[in-house]
């Protein structure tokens, strides 16, 4: 089940963090909150797909690539097959050992962990430029 991470400031952008590692979720959420994102977090690709299928919408999904239940590649393929246009950003520890390339699966960008402030700023700016905010 998705856990909404509250912040007292009103936000313009929303992000879904999908990662099976609890520490990574905490780090990702902290960076995103610091940059004004309303942030949700789930533990695997199946939870992400189910959440979006239920009607939740996000401006960006930060997707771990290697997870149990449904990995990031499979989840991305499923979301794209559902017609989801949301920016999907792959983020993983070792991009050298992947089978299928995440961009071919439908991800918009891919970064190596750990998430950094520069990654969040780059993604935020791309979203703001796209929305002309």
C-alpha atoms as a PDB file:
ATOM      1  CA  UNK A   1       0.000   0.000   0.000  1.00  0.00           C
ATOM      2  CA  UNK A   2       1.266   3.461  -0.870  1.00  0.00           C
ATOM      3  CA  UNK A   3       2.358   5.604   1.989  1.00  0.00           C
ATOM      4  CA  UNK A   4       1.857   9.328   1.510  1.00  0.00           C
ATOM      5  CA  UNK A   5       4.770  11.298   2.855  1.00  0.00           C
ATOM      6  CA  UNK A   6       3.393  14.623   4.084  1.00  0.00           C
ATOM      7  CA  UNK A   7       5.114  17.969   3.963  1.00  0.00           C
ATOM      8  CA  UNK A   8       3.602  21.174   5.311  1.00  0.00           C
ATOM      9  CA  UNK A   9       4.185  23.198   2.137  1.00  0.00           C
ATOM     10  CA  UNK A  10       1.788  23.020  -0.800  1.00  0.00           C
ATOM     11  CA  UNK A  11       3.487  21.312  -3.747  1.00  0.00           C
ATOM     12  CA  UNK A  12       3.108  21.648  -7.477  1.00  0.00           C
ATOM     13  CA  UNK A  13       4.721  18.358  -8.484  1.00  0.00           C
ATOM     14  CA  UNK A  14       4.131  14.809  -7.299  1.00  0.00           C
ATOM     15  CA  UNK A  15       6.477  11.833  -7.308  1.00  0.00           C
ATOM     16  CA  UNK A  16       6.107   8.116  -6.726  1.00  0.00           C
ATOM     17  CA  UNK A  17       9.181   6.358  -5.331  1.00  0.00           C
ATOM     18  CA  UNK A  18       9.275   2.632  -6.117  1.00  0.00           C
ATOM     19  CA  UNK A  19      12.048   0.770  -4.314  1.00  0.00           C
ATOM     20  CA  UNK A  20      12.231  -2.427  -2.285  1.00  0.00           C
ATOM     21  CA  UNK A  21      15.014  -1.035  -0.071  1.00  0.00           C
ATOM     22  CA  UNK A  22      13.609   0.976   2.837  1.00  0.00           C
ATOM     23  CA  UNK A  23      16.764   3.071   3.259  1.00  0.00           C
ATOM     24  CA  UNK A  24      16.724   4.041  -0.429  1.00  0.00           C
ATOM     25  CA  UNK A  25      13.052   5.019  -0.151  1.00  0.00           C
ATOM     26  CA  UNK A  26      13.858   7.291   2.807  1.00  0.00           C
ATOM     27  CA  UNK A  27      16.766   8.933   0.959  1.00  0.00           C
ATOM     28  CA  UNK A  28      14.782   9.413  -2.254  1.00  0.00           C
ATOM     29  CA  UNK A  29      11.788  10.844  -0.421  1.00  0.00           C
ATOM     30  CA  UNK A  30      14.040  13.254   1.514  1.00  0.00           C
ATOM     31  CA  UNK A  31      15.626  14.627  -1.665  1.00  0.00           C
ATOM     32  CA  UNK A  32      12.255  14.953  -3.375  1.00  0.00           C
ATOM     33  CA  UNK A  33      10.594  16.668  -0.402  1.00  0.00           C
ATOM     34  CA  UNK A  34      13.489  19.107  -0.192  1.00  0.00           C
ATOM     35  CA  UNK A  35      12.665  20.151  -3.768  1.00  0.00           C
ATOM     36  CA  UNK A  36       8.943  20.581  -3.255  1.00  0.00           C
ATOM     37  CA  UNK A  37       7.540  17.258  -4.450  1.00  0.00           C
ATOM     38  CA  UNK A  38       4.469  15.697  -2.891  1.00  0.00           C
ATOM     39  CA  UNK A  39       5.881  12.217  -2.441  1.00  0.00           C
ATOM     40  CA  UNK A  40       4.421   8.723  -2.244  1.00  0.00           C
ATOM     41  CA  UNK A  41       6.423   5.518  -1.770  1.00  0.00           C
ATOM     42  CA  UNK A  42       5.789   1.830  -2.514  1.00  0.00           C
ATOM     43  CA  UNK A  43       7.949  -1.291  -2.218  1.00  0.00           C
ATOM     44  CA  UNK A  44       7.709  -2.911  -5.664  1.00  0.00           C
ATOM     45  CA  UNK A  45       6.535  -2.541  -9.230  1.00  0.00           C
ATOM     46  CA  UNK A  46       3.271  -4.382  -8.634  1.00  0.00           C
ATOM     47  CA  UNK A  47       2.258  -1.856  -5.966  1.00  0.00           C
ATOM     48  CA  UNK A  48       3.160   0.995  -8.327  1.00  0.00           C
ATOM     49  CA  UNK A  49       1.124  -0.433 -11.213  1.00  0.00           C
ATOM     50  CA  UNK A  50      -1.853  -1.164  -8.941  1.00  0.00           C
ATOM     51  CA  UNK A  51      -1.726   2.329  -7.441  1.00  0.00           C
ATOM     52  CA  UNK A  52      -1.697   4.008 -10.842  1.00  0.00           C
ATOM     53  CA  UNK A  53      -4.351   1.616 -12.168  1.00  0.00           C
ATOM     54  CA  UNK A  54      -6.559   2.706  -9.236  1.00  0.00           C
ATOM     55  CA  UNK A  55      -6.493   6.263 -10.577  1.00  0.00           C
ATOM     56  CA  UNK A  56      -3.578   7.880  -8.752  1.00  0.00           C
ATOM     57  CA  UNK A  57      -1.540  10.181 -10.964  1.00  0.00           C
ATOM     58  CA  UNK A  58       2.016  11.399 -10.555  1.00  0.00           C
ATOM     59  CA  UNK A  59       4.250  13.795 -12.430  1.00  0.00           C
ATOM     60  CA  UNK A  60       7.212  11.429 -12.153  1.00  0.00           C
ATOM     61  CA  UNK A  61       7.925   7.872 -11.022  1.00  0.00           C
ATOM     62  CA  UNK A  62      11.383   7.046  -9.669  1.00  0.00           C
ATOM     63  CA  UNK A  63      11.639   3.308 -10.335  1.00  0.00           C
ATOM     64  CA  UNK A  64      14.209   0.923  -8.921  1.00  0.00           C
ATOM     65  CA  UNK A  65      15.122  -1.603 -11.584  1.00  0.00           C
ATOM     66  CA  UNK A  66      15.724  -4.754  -9.534  1.00  0.00           C
ATOM     67  CA  UNK A  67      12.866  -5.603  -7.148  1.00  0.00           C
ATOM     68  CA  UNK A  68      10.905  -8.674  -6.094  1.00  0.00           C
ATOM     69  CA  UNK A  69       7.295  -9.252  -7.185  1.00  0.00           C
ATOM     70  CA  UNK A  70       7.519  -7.030 -10.292  1.00  0.00           C
ATOM     71  CA  UNK A  71      10.805  -5.405 -11.286  1.00  0.00           C
ATOM     72  CA  UNK A  72      11.201  -1.910 -12.690  1.00  0.00           C
ATOM     73  CA  UNK A  73      11.494  -3.019 -16.323  1.00  0.00           C
ATOM     74  CA  UNK A  74       8.322  -5.134 -16.132  1.00  0.00           C
ATOM     75  CA  UNK A  75       6.432  -2.430 -14.233  1.00  0.00           C
ATOM     76  CA  UNK A  76       7.450   0.201 -16.783  1.00  0.00           C
ATOM     77  CA  UNK A  77       6.310  -2.007 -19.671  1.00  0.00           C
ATOM     78  CA  UNK A  78       2.970  -2.556 -17.929  1.00  0.00           C
ATOM     79  CA  UNK A  79       2.484   1.159 -17.219  1.00  0.00           C
ATOM     80  CA  UNK A  80       3.284   2.109 -20.815  1.00  0.00           C
ATOM     81  CA  UNK A  81       0.896  -0.595 -22.078  1.00  0.00           C
ATOM     82  CA  UNK A  82      -1.807   1.036 -19.916  1.00  0.00           C
ATOM     83  CA  UNK A  83      -1.140   4.321 -21.721  1.00  0.00           C
ATOM     84  CA  UNK A  84       0.616   6.018 -18.808  1.00  0.00           C
ATOM     85  CA  UNK A  85       2.580   9.030 -20.109  1.00  0.00           C
ATOM     86  CA  UNK A  86       4.128   9.985 -16.743  1.00  0.00           C
ATOM     87  CA  UNK A  87       7.900  10.499 -16.745  1.00  0.00           C
ATOM     88  CA  UNK A  88       9.534   7.309 -15.466  1.00  0.00           C
ATOM     89  CA  UNK A  89      13.067   7.610 -14.145  1.00  0.00           C
ATOM     90  CA  UNK A  90      14.997   4.405 -13.574  1.00  0.00           C
ATOM     91  CA  UNK A  91      17.454   4.417 -10.719  1.00  0.00           C
ATOM     92  CA  UNK A  92      19.586   1.455  -9.699  1.00  0.00           C
ATOM     93  CA  UNK A  93      22.916   0.473  -8.133  1.00  0.00           C
ATOM     94  CA  UNK A  94      24.630  -1.193 -11.057  1.00  0.00           C
ATOM     95  CA  UNK A  95      23.412  -0.325 -14.523  1.00  0.00           C
ATOM     96  CA  UNK A  96      26.065  -2.558 -16.094  1.00  0.00           C
ATOM     97  CA  UNK A  97      24.339  -5.826 -15.204  1.00  0.00           C
ATOM     98  CA  UNK A  98      20.906  -5.169 -16.651  1.00  0.00           C
ATOM     99  CA  UNK A  99      19.364  -7.392 -19.293  1.00  0.00           C
ATOM    100  CA  UNK A 100      17.012  -5.212 -21.304  1.00  0.00           C
ATOM    101  CA  UNK A 101      17.914  -1.541 -21.454  1.00  0.00           C
ATOM    102  CA  UNK A 102      15.455   0.557 -19.393  1.00  0.00           C
ATOM    103  CA  UNK A 103      14.944   3.113 -22.193  1.00  0.00           C
ATOM    104  CA  UNK A 104      13.804   0.348 -24.553  1.00  0.00           C
ATOM    105  CA  UNK A 105      11.323  -0.746 -21.861  1.00  0.00           C
ATOM    106  CA  UNK A 106       9.862   2.776 -21.801  1.00  0.00           C
ATOM    107  CA  UNK A 107      11.783   4.684 -19.145  1.00  0.00           C
ATOM    108  CA  UNK A 108      12.540   8.313 -19.935  1.00  0.00           C
ATOM    109  CA  UNK A 109      15.817   8.571 -18.017  1.00  0.00           C
ATOM    110  CA  UNK A 110      18.110   6.249 -16.083  1.00  0.00           C
ATOM    111  CA  UNK A 111      20.527   7.114 -13.285  1.00  0.00           C
ATOM    112  CA  UNK A 112      22.824   5.149 -11.046  1.00  0.00           C
ATOM    113  CA  UNK A 113      22.161   5.156  -7.292  1.00  0.00           C
ATOM    114  CA  UNK A 114      22.447   6.886  -4.998  1.00  0.00           C
ATOM    115  CA  UNK A 115      19.981   9.603  -5.860  1.00  0.00           C
ATOM    116  CA  UNK A 116      21.571  13.014  -5.698  1.00  0.00           C
ATOM    117  CA  UNK A 117      20.363  16.564  -5.508  1.00  0.00           C
ATOM    118  CA  UNK A 118      21.554  17.038  -9.103  1.00  0.00           C
ATOM    119  CA  UNK A 119      19.301  14.210 -10.323  1.00  0.00           C
ATOM    120  CA  UNK A 120      16.266  15.687  -8.582  1.00  0.00           C
ATOM    121  CA  UNK A 121      17.001  19.195  -9.877  1.00  0.00           C
ATOM    122  CA  UNK A 122      17.444  17.894 -13.434  1.00  0.00           C
ATOM    123  CA  UNK A 123      14.186  15.927 -13.358  1.00  0.00           C
ATOM    124  CA  UNK A 124      12.300  18.770 -11.680  1.00  0.00           C
ATOM    125  CA  UNK A 125      13.510  21.245 -14.292  1.00  0.00           C
ATOM    126  CA  UNK A 126      12.503  18.900 -17.124  1.00  0.00           C
ATOM    127  CA  UNK A 127       9.018  18.591 -15.615  1.00  0.00           C
ATOM    128  CA  UNK A 128       8.676  22.336 -15.100  1.00  0.00           C
ATOM    129  CA  UNK A 129       9.816  23.005 -18.674  1.00  0.00           C
ATOM    130  CA  UNK A 130       7.358  20.427 -19.984  1.00  0.00           C
ATOM    131  CA  UNK A 131       4.475  21.949 -18.010  1.00  0.00           C
ATOM    132  CA  UNK A 132       5.628  25.543 -18.685  1.00  0.00           C
ATOM    133  CA  UNK A 133       5.428  26.293 -14.955  1.00  0.00           C
END
